[in-house]
Amino acid sequence: MIEASVAAAAVLAPAIGSELTLRGRKLQTSVARVVAVWVVGYVAAATWLLREGRAGLVAFAILWCGAFLLWFGVRSHIESSILLRMLCLLRERPMTDAQLAAAYASRYGESMRLAELRRGGLVAVDRRGGARVTPKGRIVLLVASKLQ
């Protein structure tokens, strides 16, 4: 029973820690920070489990990877869901289609997305004011193309 409690607490702690680490940033531009939080949590929990002789390291690693991927998938989907953002906007007050589209564009439009890419170091502004992909952005594009 104690193993299950430790595993649950060990998974809950980095999930909360990840949210605190993001501090309003997009998940996709802060993946390294989030992974660091999960690695620290894994090392702490695995050290305790090994020291106590409570559970196998391989079994716990599989559980940990699954928990991280579940959290990452849910968080990423919620963050990027246009429909959920529109529902949140409609929660404030009723709107027509045009008002909803305008409200969405003002809060989550192109300028906001470009600002997030700049904050994440994926895009930089050149001398003429145009955006260009940074070396970090190229790596992300390379990894994403391999995942398709």
Protein backbone atom coordinates (compact mmCIF):
# COMPACT_ATOMS: atom_id res chain seq x y z
CA MET A 1 0.00 0.00 0.00
CA ILE A 2 2.80 2.39 0.81
CA GLU A 3 4.32 1.83 -2.65
CA ALA A 4 1.12 3.03 -4.30
CA SER A 5 0.99 6.09 -2.05
CA VAL A 6 4.62 6.97 -2.83
CA ALA A 7 4.04 6.46 -6.56
CA ALA A 8 0.92 8.65 -6.50
CA ALA A 9 2.67 11.41 -4.55
CA ALA A 10 5.75 11.11 -6.75
CA VAL A 11 3.63 11.62 -9.88
CA LEU A 12 1.50 14.39 -8.40
CA ALA A 13 4.49 16.43 -7.22
CA PRO A 14 6.12 16.92 -10.67
CA ALA A 15 2.73 17.54 -12.28
CA ILE A 16 2.18 20.44 -9.87
CA GLY A 17 5.83 21.46 -10.12
CA SER A 18 5.54 21.58 -13.90
CA GLU A 19 2.58 23.93 -13.72
CA LEU A 20 4.52 26.19 -11.36
CA THR A 21 7.56 26.02 -13.64
CA LEU A 22 5.55 27.03 -16.70
CA ARG A 23 4.28 30.24 -15.02
CA GLY A 24 2.07 31.20 -17.96
CA ARG A 25 4.51 30.06 -20.67
CA LYS A 26 3.50 27.60 -23.35
CA LEU A 27 4.45 23.99 -22.77
CA GLN A 28 6.05 23.66 -26.19
CA THR A 29 8.52 26.46 -25.47
CA SER A 30 9.41 25.19 -21.97
CA VAL A 31 9.75 21.45 -22.51
CA ALA A 32 13.32 21.31 -21.15
CA ARG A 33 12.24 22.87 -17.85
CA VAL A 34 9.30 20.53 -17.51
CA VAL A 35 11.40 17.46 -18.30
CA ALA A 36 13.92 18.59 -15.67
CA VAL A 37 11.14 18.75 -13.06
CA TRP A 38 10.00 15.23 -13.96
CA VAL A 39 13.58 13.86 -13.93
CA VAL A 40 14.21 15.28 -10.46
CA GLY A 41 10.93 13.76 -9.25
CA TYR A 42 11.81 10.39 -10.78
CA VAL A 43 15.29 10.34 -9.22
CA ALA A 44 13.88 11.21 -5.79
CA ALA A 45 11.11 8.60 -5.92
CA ALA A 46 13.32 5.89 -7.46
CA THR A 47 16.00 6.50 -4.83
CA TRP A 48 13.45 6.04 -2.05
CA LEU A 49 11.96 2.93 -3.64
CA LEU A 50 15.39 1.35 -4.18
CA ARG A 51 16.58 2.23 -0.68
CA GLU A 52 13.47 0.72 0.86
CA GLY A 53 13.48 -2.25 -1.52
CA ARG A 54 9.80 -1.60 -2.21
CA ALA A 55 9.48 -1.85 -5.99
CA GLY A 56 11.39 -2.72 -9.12
CA LEU A 57 13.11 0.11 -10.91
CA VAL A 58 11.98 -1.02 -14.38
CA ALA A 59 8.34 -1.21 -13.34
CA PHE A 60 8.53 2.22 -11.76
CA ALA A 61 10.28 3.67 -14.84
CA ILE A 62 7.46 2.38 -17.04
CA LEU A 63 4.86 3.87 -14.70
CA TRP A 64 6.78 7.16 -14.61
CA CYS A 65 7.10 7.45 -18.39
CA GLY A 66 3.41 6.69 -18.80
CA ALA A 67 2.46 9.29 -16.19
CA PHE A 68 4.63 11.92 -17.85
CA LEU A 69 3.25 11.19 -21.32
CA LEU A 70 -0.32 11.30 -20.01
CA TRP A 71 0.27 14.63 -18.26
CA PHE A 72 2.10 16.06 -21.29
CA GLY A 73 -0.62 14.95 -23.73
CA VAL A 74 -3.48 16.31 -21.66
CA ARG A 75 -1.67 19.59 -20.88
CA SER A 76 -0.63 20.09 -24.49
CA HIS A 77 -4.14 19.41 -25.79
CA ILE A 78 -5.79 21.75 -23.32
CA GLU A 79 -3.24 24.46 -24.07
CA SER A 80 -3.64 24.28 -27.82
CA SER A 81 -7.38 23.70 -28.05
CA ILE A 82 -9.06 26.54 -29.93
CA LEU A 83 -12.48 25.24 -28.95
CA LEU A 84 -11.69 25.25 -25.23
CA ARG A 85 -10.38 28.81 -25.46
CA MET A 86 -13.56 29.87 -27.24
CA LEU A 87 -15.67 28.21 -24.57
CA CYS A 88 -13.73 30.14 -21.91
CA LEU A 89 -14.40 33.37 -23.80
CA LEU A 90 -18.11 32.56 -24.02
CA ARG A 91 -18.17 31.89 -20.30
CA GLU A 92 -17.49 35.61 -19.76
CA ARG A 93 -20.54 36.75 -21.76
CA PRO A 94 -22.70 35.76 -24.75
CA MET A 95 -21.23 36.77 -28.14
CA THR A 96 -22.10 36.57 -31.79
CA ASP A 97 -19.88 34.58 -34.14
CA ALA A 98 -18.08 37.74 -35.27
CA GLN A 99 -17.57 38.95 -31.69
CA LEU A 100 -16.21 35.56 -30.65
CA ALA A 101 -13.77 35.48 -33.58
CA ALA A 102 -12.61 39.03 -32.79
CA ALA A 103 -12.18 38.28 -29.08
CA TYR A 104 -10.22 35.13 -29.88
CA ALA A 105 -7.96 36.96 -32.35
CA SER A 106 -7.26 39.76 -29.85
CA ARG A 107 -6.26 37.36 -27.05
CA TYR A 108 -4.71 34.47 -28.96
CA GLY A 109 -3.97 35.91 -32.40
CA GLU A 110 -0.85 35.88 -34.51
CA SER A 111 1.01 38.53 -32.51
CA MET A 112 0.54 36.54 -29.29
CA ARG A 113 1.74 33.31 -30.94
CA LEU A 114 4.80 35.06 -32.42
CA ALA A 115 5.59 36.62 -29.04
CA GLU A 116 5.51 33.16 -27.45
CA LEU A 117 7.84 31.79 -30.13
CA ARG A 118 10.25 34.67 -29.44
CA ARG A 119 10.07 34.09 -25.65
CA GLY A 120 10.85 30.42 -26.25
CA GLY A 121 13.87 31.28 -28.38
CA LEU A 122 12.43 29.52 -31.43
CA VAL A 123 12.08 32.65 -33.57
CA ALA A 124 14.10 35.87 -33.72
CA VAL A 125 13.39 39.19 -35.39
CA ASP A 126 15.84 40.19 -38.13
CA ARG A 127 17.00 43.73 -38.96
CA ARG A 128 14.10 44.33 -41.36
CA GLY A 129 11.55 43.37 -38.72
CA GLY A 130 10.82 39.93 -40.18
CA ALA A 131 10.83 36.71 -38.21
CA ARG A 132 13.43 33.99 -38.76
CA VAL A 133 13.85 30.54 -37.25
CA THR A 134 16.66 30.26 -34.69
CA PRO A 135 19.01 27.25 -34.35
CA LYS A 136 16.88 26.07 -31.41
CA GLY A 137 13.79 26.39 -33.62
CA ARG A 138 15.47 24.32 -36.34
CA ILE A 139 16.12 21.54 -33.84
CA VAL A 140 12.47 21.57 -32.80
CA LEU A 141 11.41 21.44 -36.45
CA LEU A 142 13.80 18.55 -37.11
CA VAL A 143 12.49 16.54 -34.14
CA ALA A 144 8.86 17.31 -35.04
CA SER A 145 9.40 16.21 -38.66
CA LYS A 146 10.82 12.88 -37.42
CA LEU A 147 7.74 12.32 -35.24
CA GLN A 148 5.28 12.66 -38.11
